[in-house]
Amino acid sequence: MRLLGGVVASLLLGLAVGVAAVAVHPWWWGVLLAVTASSAMLLALPRGASRIAYAAAWAIVIALAATPRPTGGYAIAGDLEGYLLISWAVLLIVVAAATVARVTSQPDRAHPGE
């Protein structure tokens, strides 16, 4: 139950930080703030499901904002800031997946020295 609570909290956090990143990304300082806040939050989360949930939620917000709106515009423009934000979403997923804690097997203690 504790793991589920952490994953849900990470999902909500990823959604909130992603929406904030989309809101401030048109300005140069907004891109820096979005990239810094997103990366810091990812690294602050424990390895495993929480990081994956955060990165996935953040990337889903960015992907939805990059799709065309019914009025014909985009929430993330096809400019340097927009492409940087989209690239950062991919990078967050890669880092989250690469830093999942590995389960290592215990050495066989029944036969030491073999």
C-alpha atoms as a PDB file:
ATOM      1  CA  MET A   1       0.000   0.000   0.000  1.00  0.00           C
ATOM      2  CA  ARG A   2       2.920   2.329   0.728  1.00  0.00           C
ATOM      3  CA  LEU A   3       4.319   1.801  -2.778  1.00  0.00           C
ATOM      4  CA  LEU A   4       0.948   2.601  -4.328  1.00  0.00           C
ATOM      5  CA  GLY A   5       0.714   5.835  -2.354  1.00  0.00           C
ATOM      6  CA  GLY A   6       4.178   6.881  -3.497  1.00  0.00           C
ATOM      7  CA  VAL A   7       3.380   6.118  -7.112  1.00  0.00           C
ATOM      8  CA  VAL A   8       0.116   8.074  -6.996  1.00  0.00           C
ATOM      9  CA  ALA A   9       1.880  11.026  -5.343  1.00  0.00           C
ATOM     10  CA  SER A  10       4.603  10.900  -8.009  1.00  0.00           C
ATOM     11  CA  LEU A  11       2.001  10.833 -10.781  1.00  0.00           C
ATOM     12  CA  LEU A  12       0.247  13.886  -9.359  1.00  0.00           C
ATOM     13  CA  LEU A  13       3.560  15.663  -8.872  1.00  0.00           C
ATOM     14  CA  GLY A  14       4.590  14.894 -12.455  1.00  0.00           C
ATOM     15  CA  LEU A  15       1.285  16.258 -13.750  1.00  0.00           C
ATOM     16  CA  ALA A  16       1.630  19.458 -11.705  1.00  0.00           C
ATOM     17  CA  VAL A  17       5.255  20.117 -12.632  1.00  0.00           C
ATOM     18  CA  GLY A  18       4.515  19.289 -16.290  1.00  0.00           C
ATOM     19  CA  VAL A  19       1.632  21.755 -16.453  1.00  0.00           C
ATOM     20  CA  ALA A  20       3.806  24.421 -14.817  1.00  0.00           C
ATOM     21  CA  ALA A  21       6.598  23.698 -17.310  1.00  0.00           C
ATOM     22  CA  VAL A  22       4.216  24.138 -20.247  1.00  0.00           C
ATOM     23  CA  ALA A  23       2.921  27.381 -18.753  1.00  0.00           C
ATOM     24  CA  VAL A  24       6.341  29.046 -18.386  1.00  0.00           C
ATOM     25  CA  HIS A  25       8.308  27.533 -21.268  1.00  0.00           C
ATOM     26  CA  PRO A  26       7.798  30.388 -23.792  1.00  0.00           C
ATOM     27  CA  TRP A  27      10.229  32.598 -21.855  1.00  0.00           C
ATOM     28  CA  TRP A  28      13.966  31.872 -21.666  1.00  0.00           C
ATOM     29  CA  TRP A  29      13.890  31.866 -17.870  1.00  0.00           C
ATOM     30  CA  GLY A  30      10.833  29.618 -17.964  1.00  0.00           C
ATOM     31  CA  VAL A  31      12.670  26.953 -19.924  1.00  0.00           C
ATOM     32  CA  LEU A  32      15.538  27.046 -17.435  1.00  0.00           C
ATOM     33  CA  LEU A  33      13.089  26.860 -14.539  1.00  0.00           C
ATOM     34  CA  ALA A  34      11.150  23.979 -16.121  1.00  0.00           C
ATOM     35  CA  VAL A  35      14.270  21.955 -16.890  1.00  0.00           C
ATOM     36  CA  THR A  36      15.818  22.611 -13.477  1.00  0.00           C
ATOM     37  CA  ALA A  37      12.674  21.888 -11.469  1.00  0.00           C
ATOM     38  CA  SER A  38      11.868  18.756 -13.459  1.00  0.00           C
ATOM     39  CA  SER A  39      15.371  17.358 -13.142  1.00  0.00           C
ATOM     40  CA  ALA A  40      15.694  18.200  -9.450  1.00  0.00           C
ATOM     41  CA  MET A  41      12.380  16.545  -8.668  1.00  0.00           C
ATOM     42  CA  LEU A  42      13.297  13.433 -10.638  1.00  0.00           C
ATOM     43  CA  LEU A  43      16.603  13.075  -8.807  1.00  0.00           C
ATOM     44  CA  ALA A  44      14.970  13.746  -5.420  1.00  0.00           C
ATOM     45  CA  LEU A  45      12.532  10.860  -5.846  1.00  0.00           C
ATOM     46  CA  PRO A  46      13.598   7.370  -4.788  1.00  0.00           C
ATOM     47  CA  ARG A  47      14.713   4.997  -7.521  1.00  0.00           C
ATOM     48  CA  GLY A  48      12.098   2.721  -8.981  1.00  0.00           C
ATOM     49  CA  ALA A  49       8.386   3.088  -9.558  1.00  0.00           C
ATOM     50  CA  SER A  50       8.198   6.632  -8.186  1.00  0.00           C
ATOM     51  CA  ARG A  51      10.701   7.974 -10.708  1.00  0.00           C
ATOM     52  CA  ILE A  52       9.054   6.121 -13.567  1.00  0.00           C
ATOM     53  CA  ALA A  53       5.617   7.443 -12.571  1.00  0.00           C
ATOM     54  CA  TYR A  54       6.880  11.026 -12.271  1.00  0.00           C
ATOM     55  CA  ALA A  55       8.710  10.977 -15.597  1.00  0.00           C
ATOM     56  CA  ALA A  56       5.797   9.307 -17.393  1.00  0.00           C
ATOM     57  CA  ALA A  57       3.269  11.824 -16.068  1.00  0.00           C
ATOM     58  CA  TRP A  58       5.551  14.741 -16.941  1.00  0.00           C
ATOM     59  CA  ALA A  59       6.130  13.413 -20.452  1.00  0.00           C
ATOM     60  CA  ILE A  60       2.408  12.762 -20.999  1.00  0.00           C
ATOM     61  CA  VAL A  61       1.627  16.395 -20.160  1.00  0.00           C
ATOM     62  CA  ILE A  62       4.299  17.556 -22.611  1.00  0.00           C
ATOM     63  CA  ALA A  63       3.055  15.173 -25.321  1.00  0.00           C
ATOM     64  CA  LEU A  64      -0.538  16.318 -24.895  1.00  0.00           C
ATOM     65  CA  ALA A  65       0.528  19.962 -24.995  1.00  0.00           C
ATOM     66  CA  ALA A  66       2.509  19.346 -28.199  1.00  0.00           C
ATOM     67  CA  THR A  67      -0.505  17.947 -30.074  1.00  0.00           C
ATOM     68  CA  PRO A  68      -2.716  20.308 -32.088  1.00  0.00           C
ATOM     69  CA  ARG A  69      -5.594  21.970 -30.261  1.00  0.00           C
ATOM     70  CA  PRO A  70      -9.074  22.144 -31.824  1.00  0.00           C
ATOM     71  CA  THR A  71      -8.512  25.810 -32.632  1.00  0.00           C
ATOM     72  CA  GLY A  72      -5.484  24.909 -34.724  1.00  0.00           C
ATOM     73  CA  GLY A  73      -2.702  26.066 -32.394  1.00  0.00           C
ATOM     74  CA  TYR A  74      -0.257  24.301 -30.113  1.00  0.00           C
ATOM     75  CA  ALA A  75       0.432  24.811 -26.418  1.00  0.00           C
ATOM     76  CA  ILE A  76       4.093  24.015 -27.152  1.00  0.00           C
ATOM     77  CA  ALA A  77       5.328  25.880 -30.207  1.00  0.00           C
ATOM     78  CA  GLY A  78       7.742  24.469 -32.753  1.00  0.00           C
ATOM     79  CA  ASP A  79      10.574  26.741 -31.691  1.00  0.00           C
ATOM     80  CA  LEU A  80      13.790  26.236 -29.742  1.00  0.00           C
ATOM     81  CA  GLU A  81      12.036  26.328 -26.367  1.00  0.00           C
ATOM     82  CA  GLY A  82       9.378  23.869 -27.489  1.00  0.00           C
ATOM     83  CA  TYR A  83      11.840  21.392 -28.943  1.00  0.00           C
ATOM     84  CA  LEU A  84      13.984  21.647 -25.824  1.00  0.00           C
ATOM     85  CA  LEU A  85      10.985  20.831 -23.637  1.00  0.00           C
ATOM     86  CA  ILE A  86      10.013  17.849 -25.813  1.00  0.00           C
ATOM     87  CA  SER A  87      13.597  16.573 -25.815  1.00  0.00           C
ATOM     88  CA  TRP A  88      13.778  16.972 -22.046  1.00  0.00           C
ATOM     89  CA  ALA A  89      10.649  14.838 -21.662  1.00  0.00           C
ATOM     90  CA  VAL A  90      12.350  12.020 -23.552  1.00  0.00           C
ATOM     91  CA  LEU A  91      15.521  12.463 -21.511  1.00  0.00           C
ATOM     92  CA  LEU A  92      13.581  12.302 -18.230  1.00  0.00           C
ATOM     93  CA  ILE A  93      12.041   8.986 -19.249  1.00  0.00           C
ATOM     94  CA  VAL A  94      15.445   7.604 -20.244  1.00  0.00           C
ATOM     95  CA  VAL A  95      17.044   8.699 -16.963  1.00  0.00           C
ATOM     96  CA  ALA A  96      14.139   7.339 -14.914  1.00  0.00           C
ATOM     97  CA  ALA A  97      14.346   3.991 -16.688  1.00  0.00           C
ATOM     98  CA  ALA A  98      18.135   3.842 -16.457  1.00  0.00           C
ATOM     99  CA  THR A  99      18.213   4.538 -12.732  1.00  0.00           C
ATOM    100  CA  VAL A 100      15.748   1.872 -11.649  1.00  0.00           C
ATOM    101  CA  ALA A 101      17.314  -0.016  -8.763  1.00  0.00           C
ATOM    102  CA  ARG A 102      18.626  -3.429  -9.746  1.00  0.00           C
ATOM    103  CA  VAL A 103      17.882  -6.478  -7.690  1.00  0.00           C
ATOM    104  CA  THR A 104      21.057  -8.428  -7.126  1.00  0.00           C
ATOM    105  CA  SER A 105      21.063 -12.043  -6.157  1.00  0.00           C
ATOM    106  CA  GLN A 106      22.653 -13.131  -2.919  1.00  0.00           C
ATOM    107  CA  PRO A 107      25.691 -15.383  -3.310  1.00  0.00           C
ATOM    108  CA  ASP A 108      25.103 -19.014  -2.569  1.00  0.00           C
ATOM    109  CA  ARG A 109      26.262 -19.380   1.027  1.00  0.00           C
ATOM    110  CA  ALA A 110      25.715 -23.102   1.185  1.00  0.00           C
ATOM    111  CA  HIS A 111      28.827 -23.710  -0.914  1.00  0.00           C
ATOM    112  CA  PRO A 112      31.448 -21.111  -0.008  1.00  0.00           C
ATOM    113  CA  GLY A 113      34.571 -20.988  -2.095  1.00  0.00           C
ATOM    114  CA  GLU A 114      33.146 -22.689  -5.161  1.00  0.00           C
END
